[in-house]
Amino acid sequence: MKLKGFIVTFGSFALTTALLYLLGYVFTIPWLMFQYEYTNNASGFFVSGGSLVPLIIGLVISFIAEKIYIYKYRQKIG
């Protein structure tokens, strides 16, 4: 059960996050896009990040998928 549970949890996280980032780039939705910038103009050093919203949504979806999987697994056993 542990391997299948991990596959369900991680798979749902990866698929959801990738799908949300893809939708962000296809439809140009800034809060769904990961933008990374780096500038080093002779030690002017500038770093920027991107949106973490797809990661957070992916974590929530993977948590829900894990709970559903565990519930169905326990029903099947007992």
N, C-alpha and C. Protein backbone atom coordinates (compact mmCIF):
# COMPACT_ATOMS: atom_id res chain seq x y z
N MET A 1 0.81 -1.19 0.00
CA MET A 1 0.00 0.00 0.00
C MET A 1 0.86 1.26 0.00
N LYS A 2 2.02 1.20 0.63
CA LYS A 2 2.84 2.41 0.76
C LYS A 2 3.34 2.91 -0.59
N LEU A 3 3.76 2.00 -1.47
CA LEU A 3 4.24 2.43 -2.78
C LEU A 3 3.11 2.99 -3.62
N LYS A 4 1.97 2.32 -3.63
CA LYS A 4 0.83 2.82 -4.40
C LYS A 4 0.34 4.15 -3.85
N GLY A 5 0.32 4.29 -2.53
CA GLY A 5 -0.08 5.55 -1.91
C GLY A 5 0.85 6.69 -2.29
N PHE A 6 2.15 6.39 -2.31
CA PHE A 6 3.13 7.40 -2.71
C PHE A 6 2.94 7.78 -4.17
N ILE A 7 2.71 6.79 -5.02
CA ILE A 7 2.51 7.06 -6.45
C ILE A 7 1.28 7.92 -6.67
N VAL A 8 0.20 7.62 -5.96
CA VAL A 8 -1.03 8.41 -6.09
C VAL A 8 -0.79 9.84 -5.60
N THR A 9 -0.15 9.98 -4.46
CA THR A 9 0.08 11.30 -3.87
C THR A 9 1.03 12.13 -4.72
N PHE A 10 2.18 11.57 -5.04
CA PHE A 10 3.17 12.32 -5.81
C PHE A 10 2.70 12.56 -7.24
N GLY A 11 2.03 11.57 -7.82
CA GLY A 11 1.52 11.72 -9.19
C GLY A 11 0.49 12.83 -9.29
N SER A 12 -0.41 12.89 -8.32
CA SER A 12 -1.41 13.95 -8.35
C SER A 12 -0.77 15.32 -8.14
N PHE A 13 0.24 15.39 -7.27
CA PHE A 13 0.94 16.65 -7.06
C PHE A 13 1.66 17.10 -8.33
N ALA A 14 2.42 16.20 -8.93
CA ALA A 14 3.20 16.55 -10.12
C ALA A 14 2.29 16.90 -11.29
N LEU A 15 1.26 16.11 -11.50
CA LEU A 15 0.36 16.36 -12.62
C LEU A 15 -0.40 17.67 -12.45
N THR A 16 -0.91 17.93 -11.26
CA THR A 16 -1.64 19.17 -11.01
C THR A 16 -0.75 20.38 -11.16
N THR A 17 0.44 20.33 -10.58
CA THR A 17 1.36 21.46 -10.66
C THR A 17 1.79 21.73 -12.10
N ALA A 18 2.14 20.68 -12.82
CA ALA A 18 2.56 20.85 -14.21
C ALA A 18 1.41 21.39 -15.07
N LEU A 19 0.22 20.88 -14.84
CA LEU A 19 -0.94 21.35 -15.61
C LEU A 19 -1.24 22.82 -15.33
N LEU A 20 -1.13 23.23 -14.07
CA LEU A 20 -1.39 24.64 -13.74
C LEU A 20 -0.32 25.56 -14.33
N TYR A 21 0.95 25.15 -14.26
CA TYR A 21 2.00 25.96 -14.89
C TYR A 21 1.80 26.02 -16.41
N LEU A 22 1.41 24.91 -17.01
CA LEU A 22 1.15 24.90 -18.45
C LEU A 22 0.00 25.84 -18.81
N LEU A 23 -1.07 25.78 -18.06
CA LEU A 23 -2.20 26.68 -18.30
C LEU A 23 -1.78 28.14 -18.13
N GLY A 24 -0.91 28.40 -17.17
CA GLY A 24 -0.42 29.76 -16.98
C GLY A 24 0.35 30.28 -18.17
N TYR A 25 1.16 29.42 -18.78
CA TYR A 25 1.93 29.85 -19.94
C TYR A 25 1.08 29.91 -21.20
N VAL A 26 0.15 28.99 -21.36
CA VAL A 26 -0.69 28.98 -22.56
C VAL A 26 -1.61 30.19 -22.60
N PHE A 27 -2.23 30.50 -21.46
CA PHE A 27 -3.20 31.59 -21.41
C PHE A 27 -2.63 32.87 -20.80
N THR A 28 -1.34 32.92 -20.56
CA THR A 28 -0.63 34.07 -20.02
C THR A 28 -1.30 34.60 -18.74
N ILE A 29 -1.41 33.73 -17.77
CA ILE A 29 -1.95 34.09 -16.47
C ILE A 29 -0.74 34.24 -15.53
N PRO A 30 -0.41 35.46 -15.13
CA PRO A 30 0.82 35.69 -14.38
C PRO A 30 0.91 34.92 -13.06
N TRP A 31 -0.16 34.75 -12.32
CA TRP A 31 -0.09 34.07 -11.04
C TRP A 31 -0.03 32.55 -11.18
N LEU A 32 -0.05 32.05 -12.42
CA LEU A 32 0.16 30.63 -12.68
C LEU A 32 1.44 30.36 -13.46
N MET A 33 2.26 31.38 -13.63
CA MET A 33 3.50 31.24 -14.40
C MET A 33 4.70 31.30 -13.46
N PHE A 34 5.71 30.50 -13.76
CA PHE A 34 6.97 30.58 -13.02
C PHE A 34 7.93 31.40 -13.84
N GLN A 35 8.28 32.56 -13.35
CA GLN A 35 9.21 33.43 -14.04
C GLN A 35 10.47 33.57 -13.20
N TYR A 36 11.59 33.35 -13.78
CA TYR A 36 12.85 33.44 -13.07
C TYR A 36 13.75 34.40 -13.81
N GLU A 37 14.34 35.34 -13.09
CA GLU A 37 15.25 36.31 -13.69
C GLU A 37 16.55 36.31 -12.90
N TYR A 38 17.64 36.51 -13.57
CA TYR A 38 18.94 36.61 -12.92
C TYR A 38 19.76 37.63 -13.68
N THR A 39 20.31 38.59 -12.99
CA THR A 39 21.15 39.62 -13.59
C THR A 39 22.39 39.80 -12.75
N ASN A 40 23.54 39.78 -13.40
CA ASN A 40 24.79 40.03 -12.70
C ASN A 40 25.59 41.02 -13.54
N ASN A 41 25.29 42.26 -13.41
CA ASN A 41 26.02 43.30 -14.13
C ASN A 41 27.19 43.75 -13.27
N ALA A 42 28.25 42.98 -13.35
CA ALA A 42 29.46 43.25 -12.58
C ALA A 42 29.13 43.41 -11.10
N SER A 43 28.60 42.36 -10.55
CA SER A 43 28.20 42.27 -9.14
C SER A 43 27.04 43.19 -8.78
N GLY A 44 26.20 43.46 -9.73
CA GLY A 44 24.96 44.18 -9.45
C GLY A 44 23.92 43.21 -8.91
N PHE A 45 24.13 41.96 -9.07
CA PHE A 45 23.38 40.81 -8.57
C PHE A 45 21.90 41.08 -8.29
N PHE A 46 21.06 40.61 -9.18
CA PHE A 46 19.61 40.74 -9.06
C PHE A 46 18.98 39.38 -9.30
N VAL A 47 18.13 38.94 -8.41
CA VAL A 47 17.44 37.66 -8.54
C VAL A 47 15.96 37.89 -8.33
N SER A 48 15.15 37.23 -9.11
CA SER A 48 13.71 37.33 -8.97
C SER A 48 13.14 35.91 -8.96
N GLY A 49 11.93 35.76 -8.51
CA GLY A 49 11.31 34.44 -8.41
C GLY A 49 10.06 34.33 -9.26
N GLY A 50 9.19 33.44 -8.86
CA GLY A 50 7.97 33.24 -9.60
C GLY A 50 6.82 32.87 -8.68
N SER A 51 5.74 32.49 -9.28
CA SER A 51 4.52 32.19 -8.54
C SER A 51 4.60 30.81 -7.90
N LEU A 52 4.18 30.74 -6.66
CA LEU A 52 4.13 29.48 -5.94
C LEU A 52 2.69 28.95 -5.82
N VAL A 53 1.74 29.65 -6.41
CA VAL A 53 0.33 29.26 -6.32
C VAL A 53 0.11 27.85 -6.89
N PRO A 54 0.66 27.50 -8.07
CA PRO A 54 0.46 26.13 -8.54
C PRO A 54 1.02 25.06 -7.61
N LEU A 55 2.12 25.36 -6.94
CA LEU A 55 2.68 24.40 -5.98
C LEU A 55 1.76 24.21 -4.78
N ILE A 56 1.19 25.29 -4.29
CA ILE A 56 0.29 25.21 -3.15
C ILE A 56 -0.98 24.46 -3.52
N ILE A 57 -1.53 24.76 -4.69
CA ILE A 57 -2.73 24.05 -5.15
C ILE A 57 -2.41 22.58 -5.37
N GLY A 58 -1.23 22.28 -5.91
CA GLY A 58 -0.82 20.90 -6.09
C GLY A 58 -0.70 20.14 -4.78
N LEU A 59 -0.19 20.80 -3.74
CA LEU A 59 -0.11 20.17 -2.42
C LEU A 59 -1.49 19.87 -1.85
N VAL A 60 -2.41 20.81 -2.04
CA VAL A 60 -3.78 20.59 -1.54
C VAL A 60 -4.44 19.43 -2.28
N ILE A 61 -4.29 19.38 -3.60
CA ILE A 61 -4.88 18.30 -4.39
C ILE A 61 -4.25 16.96 -4.01
N SER A 62 -2.94 16.92 -3.80
CA SER A 62 -2.31 15.66 -3.44
C SER A 62 -2.75 15.19 -2.05
N PHE A 63 -2.97 16.12 -1.13
CA PHE A 63 -3.48 15.77 0.19
C PHE A 63 -4.88 15.16 0.08
N ILE A 64 -5.73 15.77 -0.72
CA ILE A 64 -7.09 15.26 -0.91
C ILE A 64 -7.06 13.89 -1.59
N ALA A 65 -6.19 13.73 -2.60
CA ALA A 65 -6.08 12.45 -3.30
C ALA A 65 -5.60 11.35 -2.36
N GLU A 66 -4.67 11.70 -1.48
CA GLU A 66 -4.18 10.71 -0.52
C GLU A 66 -5.28 10.29 0.45
N LYS A 67 -6.06 11.23 0.93
CA LYS A 67 -7.15 10.91 1.85
C LYS A 67 -8.20 10.03 1.16
N ILE A 68 -8.52 10.32 -0.08
CA ILE A 68 -9.47 9.50 -0.83
C ILE A 68 -8.92 8.10 -1.04
N TYR A 69 -7.63 8.00 -1.38
CA TYR A 69 -7.01 6.69 -1.59
C TYR A 69 -7.02 5.86 -0.32
N ILE A 70 -6.67 6.48 0.80
CA ILE A 70 -6.66 5.76 2.07
C ILE A 70 -8.07 5.31 2.46
N TYR A 71 -9.05 6.16 2.24
CA TYR A 71 -10.44 5.81 2.56
C TYR A 71 -10.90 4.62 1.73
N LYS A 72 -10.62 4.64 0.43
CA LYS A 72 -11.04 3.53 -0.44
C LYS A 72 -10.25 2.26 -0.13
N TYR A 73 -8.98 2.39 0.23
CA TYR A 73 -8.17 1.23 0.58
C TYR A 73 -8.71 0.56 1.85
N ARG A 74 -9.07 1.35 2.83
CA ARG A 74 -9.61 0.79 4.07
C ARG A 74 -10.98 0.15 3.85
N GLN A 75 -11.77 0.69 2.95
CA GLN A 75 -13.07 0.07 2.64
C GLN A 75 -12.87 -1.28 1.97
N LYS A 76 -11.86 -1.35 1.10
CA LYS A 76 -11.61 -2.60 0.39
C LYS A 76 -11.11 -3.69 1.31
N ILE A 77 -10.31 -3.32 2.31
CA ILE A 77 -9.75 -4.30 3.23
C ILE A 77 -10.81 -4.79 4.24
N GLY A 78 -11.47 -3.87 4.86
CA GLY A 78 -12.29 -4.29 5.97
C GLY A 78 -13.71 -4.00 5.78
